[in-house]
Amino acid sequence: MNIATLKSFQRCLKAHDDETLGEVLKSMNLAASVFGQPHLHSGRGIRDLRQGIYECRTGLDLRLVFRRKGDALVFEFAGTHDEVRAWVKAKY
């Protein structure tokens, strides 16, 4: 599975340090490696938020929102639990 990001996702990460960005990259790669294998999803923190909108956790505070488009996971937003809830509610 390939990985892509939208500019909105990249903007969300600008304020984070290099260590956090490294963890984000690990989470993105992990999500891509287990996506489509539901037994592995649960242990990796991947959740279906709405029809076709998913999130995965990076540490305790940061969540990454993505959707599947073809053979890629497209990451759209990153934020705290509350920020993700507000973003999903506003966008979908």
N, C-alpha and C. Protein backbone atom coordinates (compact mmCIF):
# COMPACT_ATOMS: atom_id res chain seq x y z
N MET A 1 0.86 -1.17 0.00
CA MET A 1 0.00 0.00 0.00
C MET A 1 0.91 1.24 0.00
N ASN A 2 0.61 2.20 -0.85
CA ASN A 2 1.36 3.45 -0.93
C ASN A 2 0.83 4.47 0.08
N ILE A 3 1.60 5.51 0.31
CA ILE A 3 1.22 6.58 1.23
C ILE A 3 1.27 7.91 0.49
N ALA A 4 0.26 8.74 0.71
CA ALA A 4 0.23 10.10 0.16
C ALA A 4 -0.27 11.04 1.26
N THR A 5 0.08 12.30 1.13
CA THR A 5 -0.40 13.29 2.10
C THR A 5 -0.97 14.49 1.36
N LEU A 6 -1.97 15.10 1.97
CA LEU A 6 -2.50 16.36 1.45
C LEU A 6 -1.77 17.51 2.12
N LYS A 7 -1.83 18.68 1.51
CA LYS A 7 -1.20 19.85 2.11
C LYS A 7 -1.77 20.17 3.48
N SER A 8 -3.06 19.90 3.66
CA SER A 8 -3.68 20.15 4.96
C SER A 8 -3.02 19.29 6.04
N PHE A 9 -2.65 18.07 5.72
CA PHE A 9 -1.96 17.18 6.66
C PHE A 9 -0.58 17.73 6.98
N GLN A 10 0.12 18.16 5.97
CA GLN A 10 1.47 18.70 6.16
C GLN A 10 1.45 19.96 7.03
N ARG A 11 0.43 20.80 6.85
CA ARG A 11 0.31 22.00 7.68
C ARG A 11 0.08 21.65 9.14
N CYS A 12 -0.67 20.59 9.39
CA CYS A 12 -0.96 20.16 10.77
C CYS A 12 0.32 19.76 11.51
N LEU A 13 1.32 19.33 10.78
CA LEU A 13 2.52 18.80 11.41
C LEU A 13 3.65 19.81 11.55
N LYS A 14 3.49 21.01 11.01
CA LYS A 14 4.57 22.00 11.02
C LYS A 14 5.06 22.35 12.42
N ALA A 15 4.20 22.36 13.40
CA ALA A 15 4.58 22.79 14.75
C ALA A 15 5.26 21.68 15.56
N HIS A 16 5.33 20.47 15.03
CA HIS A 16 5.87 19.34 15.79
C HIS A 16 7.37 19.19 15.59
N ASP A 17 8.02 18.64 16.61
CA ASP A 17 9.47 18.46 16.55
C ASP A 17 9.84 17.22 15.72
N ASP A 18 11.15 17.06 15.47
CA ASP A 18 11.63 15.96 14.63
C ASP A 18 11.30 14.59 15.22
N GLU A 19 11.34 14.45 16.52
CA GLU A 19 11.03 13.17 17.15
C GLU A 19 9.58 12.78 16.88
N THR A 20 8.67 13.74 17.03
CA THR A 20 7.26 13.47 16.76
C THR A 20 7.04 13.15 15.29
N LEU A 21 7.72 13.88 14.41
CA LEU A 21 7.57 13.62 12.98
C LEU A 21 8.07 12.21 12.62
N GLY A 22 9.11 11.75 13.30
CA GLY A 22 9.58 10.39 13.10
C GLY A 22 8.54 9.37 13.51
N GLU A 23 7.87 9.63 14.64
CA GLU A 23 6.80 8.74 15.11
C GLU A 23 5.61 8.76 14.14
N VAL A 24 5.31 9.93 13.59
CA VAL A 24 4.23 10.04 12.60
C VAL A 24 4.55 9.18 11.38
N LEU A 25 5.77 9.27 10.90
CA LEU A 25 6.18 8.48 9.74
C LEU A 25 6.08 6.99 10.03
N LYS A 26 6.51 6.57 11.22
CA LYS A 26 6.38 5.16 11.61
C LYS A 26 4.92 4.72 11.61
N SER A 27 4.04 5.56 12.16
CA SER A 27 2.62 5.22 12.22
C SER A 27 2.01 5.12 10.82
N MET A 28 2.41 6.03 9.94
CA MET A 28 1.91 6.00 8.57
C MET A 28 2.34 4.72 7.86
N ASN A 29 3.60 4.35 8.00
CA ASN A 29 4.11 3.13 7.37
C ASN A 29 3.45 1.88 7.96
N LEU A 30 3.24 1.89 9.26
CA LEU A 30 2.59 0.76 9.91
C LEU A 30 1.15 0.61 9.44
N ALA A 31 0.44 1.75 9.35
CA ALA A 31 -0.94 1.71 8.86
C ALA A 31 -0.98 1.14 7.45
N ALA A 32 -0.04 1.55 6.61
CA ALA A 32 -0.01 1.07 5.23
C ALA A 32 0.30 -0.42 5.17
N SER A 33 1.11 -0.92 6.10
CA SER A 33 1.49 -2.33 6.05
C SER A 33 0.39 -3.26 6.56
N VAL A 34 -0.50 -2.78 7.45
CA VAL A 34 -1.53 -3.66 8.00
C VAL A 34 -2.94 -3.34 7.50
N PHE A 35 -3.10 -2.26 6.74
CA PHE A 35 -4.43 -1.88 6.30
C PHE A 35 -5.02 -2.99 5.44
N GLY A 36 -6.29 -3.30 5.70
CA GLY A 36 -6.97 -4.37 4.99
C GLY A 36 -6.86 -5.72 5.68
N GLN A 37 -6.20 -5.73 6.84
CA GLN A 37 -6.07 -6.94 7.64
C GLN A 37 -6.68 -6.66 9.01
N PRO A 38 -7.99 -6.77 9.15
CA PRO A 38 -8.70 -6.34 10.36
C PRO A 38 -8.14 -6.90 11.67
N HIS A 39 -7.60 -8.09 11.65
CA HIS A 39 -7.06 -8.66 12.89
C HIS A 39 -5.84 -7.87 13.37
N LEU A 40 -5.13 -7.26 12.46
CA LEU A 40 -3.96 -6.46 12.83
C LEU A 40 -4.33 -5.02 13.15
N HIS A 41 -5.45 -4.55 12.61
CA HIS A 41 -5.89 -3.16 12.85
C HIS A 41 -6.02 -2.86 14.33
N SER A 42 -6.69 -3.75 15.05
CA SER A 42 -7.04 -3.44 16.44
C SER A 42 -5.81 -3.21 17.29
N GLY A 43 -4.77 -3.96 17.07
CA GLY A 43 -3.55 -3.80 17.85
C GLY A 43 -2.73 -2.59 17.44
N ARG A 44 -3.06 -2.00 16.33
CA ARG A 44 -2.29 -0.87 15.80
C ARG A 44 -3.00 0.47 15.95
N GLY A 45 -4.18 0.46 16.54
CA GLY A 45 -4.89 1.70 16.79
C GLY A 45 -5.57 2.29 15.58
N ILE A 46 -5.88 1.47 14.58
CA ILE A 46 -6.60 1.95 13.40
C ILE A 46 -8.09 1.78 13.66
N ARG A 47 -8.82 2.88 13.49
CA ARG A 47 -10.28 2.86 13.71
C ARG A 47 -10.99 3.47 12.52
N ASP A 48 -12.16 2.94 12.23
CA ASP A 48 -13.03 3.50 11.20
C ASP A 48 -13.87 4.59 11.87
N LEU A 49 -13.68 5.84 11.47
CA LEU A 49 -14.41 6.95 12.07
C LEU A 49 -15.77 7.14 11.41
N ARG A 50 -15.79 7.13 10.13
CA ARG A 50 -16.99 7.24 9.30
C ARG A 50 -16.74 6.44 8.06
N GLN A 51 -17.71 6.34 7.22
CA GLN A 51 -17.57 5.54 6.00
C GLN A 51 -16.35 5.96 5.21
N GLY A 52 -15.32 5.13 5.27
CA GLY A 52 -14.12 5.39 4.48
C GLY A 52 -13.13 6.36 5.09
N ILE A 53 -13.41 6.88 6.29
CA ILE A 53 -12.49 7.78 6.98
C ILE A 53 -11.94 7.03 8.18
N TYR A 54 -10.61 6.94 8.28
CA TYR A 54 -9.96 6.17 9.34
C TYR A 54 -9.01 7.06 10.13
N GLU A 55 -8.65 6.59 11.32
CA GLU A 55 -7.61 7.25 12.09
C GLU A 55 -6.67 6.20 12.64
N CYS A 56 -5.43 6.63 12.87
CA CYS A 56 -4.48 5.80 13.59
C CYS A 56 -3.79 6.70 14.61
N ARG A 57 -3.35 6.10 15.69
CA ARG A 57 -2.73 6.86 16.77
C ARG A 57 -1.22 6.93 16.59
N THR A 58 -0.68 8.07 16.99
CA THR A 58 0.76 8.26 17.10
C THR A 58 0.99 8.74 18.52
N GLY A 59 1.45 7.88 19.37
CA GLY A 59 1.61 8.23 20.78
C GLY A 59 0.25 8.40 21.44
N LEU A 60 0.24 9.10 22.55
CA LEU A 60 -1.00 9.28 23.30
C LEU A 60 -1.83 10.45 22.81
N ASP A 61 -1.19 11.46 22.25
CA ASP A 61 -1.90 12.71 21.96
C ASP A 61 -2.24 12.95 20.49
N LEU A 62 -1.54 12.33 19.58
CA LEU A 62 -1.68 12.69 18.17
C LEU A 62 -2.37 11.57 17.39
N ARG A 63 -3.35 11.97 16.60
CA ARG A 63 -4.07 11.04 15.74
C ARG A 63 -3.95 11.49 14.29
N LEU A 64 -3.86 10.53 13.39
CA LEU A 64 -3.71 10.80 11.97
C LEU A 64 -4.96 10.31 11.25
N VAL A 65 -5.57 11.17 10.46
CA VAL A 65 -6.80 10.84 9.74
C VAL A 65 -6.44 10.58 8.28
N PHE A 66 -6.98 9.48 7.75
CA PHE A 66 -6.69 9.13 6.36
C PHE A 66 -7.87 8.42 5.73
N ARG A 67 -7.80 8.28 4.43
CA ARG A 67 -8.78 7.49 3.68
C ARG A 67 -8.01 6.68 2.64
N ARG A 68 -8.65 5.65 2.16
CA ARG A 68 -8.04 4.83 1.11
C ARG A 68 -8.53 5.31 -0.24
N LYS A 69 -7.58 5.54 -1.13
CA LYS A 69 -7.89 5.90 -2.52
C LYS A 69 -7.07 4.98 -3.41
N GLY A 70 -7.73 4.04 -4.02
CA GLY A 70 -7.02 3.08 -4.86
C GLY A 70 -6.05 2.25 -4.04
N ASP A 71 -4.78 2.28 -4.43
CA ASP A 71 -3.76 1.51 -3.72
C ASP A 71 -2.95 2.37 -2.75
N ALA A 72 -3.54 3.50 -2.32
CA ALA A 72 -2.82 4.41 -1.42
C ALA A 72 -3.68 4.79 -0.22
N LEU A 73 -3.00 5.05 0.88
CA LEU A 73 -3.64 5.69 2.03
C LEU A 73 -3.28 7.17 1.94
N VAL A 74 -4.29 8.01 1.89
CA VAL A 74 -4.10 9.46 1.76
C VAL A 74 -4.37 10.09 3.12
N PHE A 75 -3.33 10.63 3.74
CA PHE A 75 -3.44 11.26 5.05
C PHE A 75 -3.89 12.70 4.87
N GLU A 76 -4.97 13.08 5.59
CA GLU A 76 -5.62 14.37 5.39
C GLU A 76 -5.49 15.33 6.56
N PHE A 77 -5.40 14.80 7.78
CA PHE A 77 -5.43 15.67 8.96
C PHE A 77 -4.69 14.99 10.10
N ALA A 78 -4.12 15.80 10.98
CA ALA A 78 -3.47 15.30 12.20
C ALA A 78 -3.84 16.23 13.35
N GLY A 79 -4.15 15.64 14.50
CA GLY A 79 -4.51 16.46 15.65
C GLY A 79 -4.82 15.61 16.87
N THR A 80 -5.22 16.26 17.93
CA THR A 80 -5.61 15.56 19.14
C THR A 80 -6.96 14.88 18.91
N HIS A 81 -7.38 14.11 19.88
CA HIS A 81 -8.68 13.44 19.80
C HIS A 81 -9.80 14.44 19.55
N ASP A 82 -9.83 15.52 20.33
CA ASP A 82 -10.89 16.53 20.17
C ASP A 82 -10.80 17.25 18.83
N GLU A 83 -9.58 17.56 18.40
CA GLU A 83 -9.41 18.23 17.10
C GLU A 83 -9.88 17.35 15.95
N VAL A 84 -9.59 16.06 16.04
CA VAL A 84 -10.02 15.13 14.99
C VAL A 84 -11.55 15.04 14.97
N ARG A 85 -12.16 14.93 16.15
CA ARG A 85 -13.63 14.87 16.20
C ARG A 85 -14.25 16.10 15.57
N ALA A 86 -13.74 17.28 15.90
CA ALA A 86 -14.27 18.52 15.35
C ALA A 86 -14.04 18.59 13.84
N TRP A 87 -12.88 18.17 13.37
CA TRP A 87 -12.56 18.21 11.95
C TRP A 87 -13.47 17.28 11.16
N VAL A 88 -13.65 16.05 11.64
CA VAL A 88 -14.51 15.10 10.95
C VAL A 88 -15.95 15.62 10.92
N LYS A 89 -16.41 16.15 12.04
CA LYS A 89 -17.78 16.67 12.11
C LYS A 89 -17.99 17.82 11.13
N ALA A 90 -16.99 18.71 11.03
CA ALA A 90 -17.10 19.86 10.14
C ALA A 90 -16.99 19.46 8.66
N LYS A 91 -16.15 18.49 8.39
CA LYS A 91 -15.88 18.12 7.00
C LYS A 91 -16.87 17.09 6.46
N TYR A 92 -17.36 16.21 7.31
CA TYR A 92 -18.24 15.14 6.84
C TYR A 92 -19.52 15.15 7.61
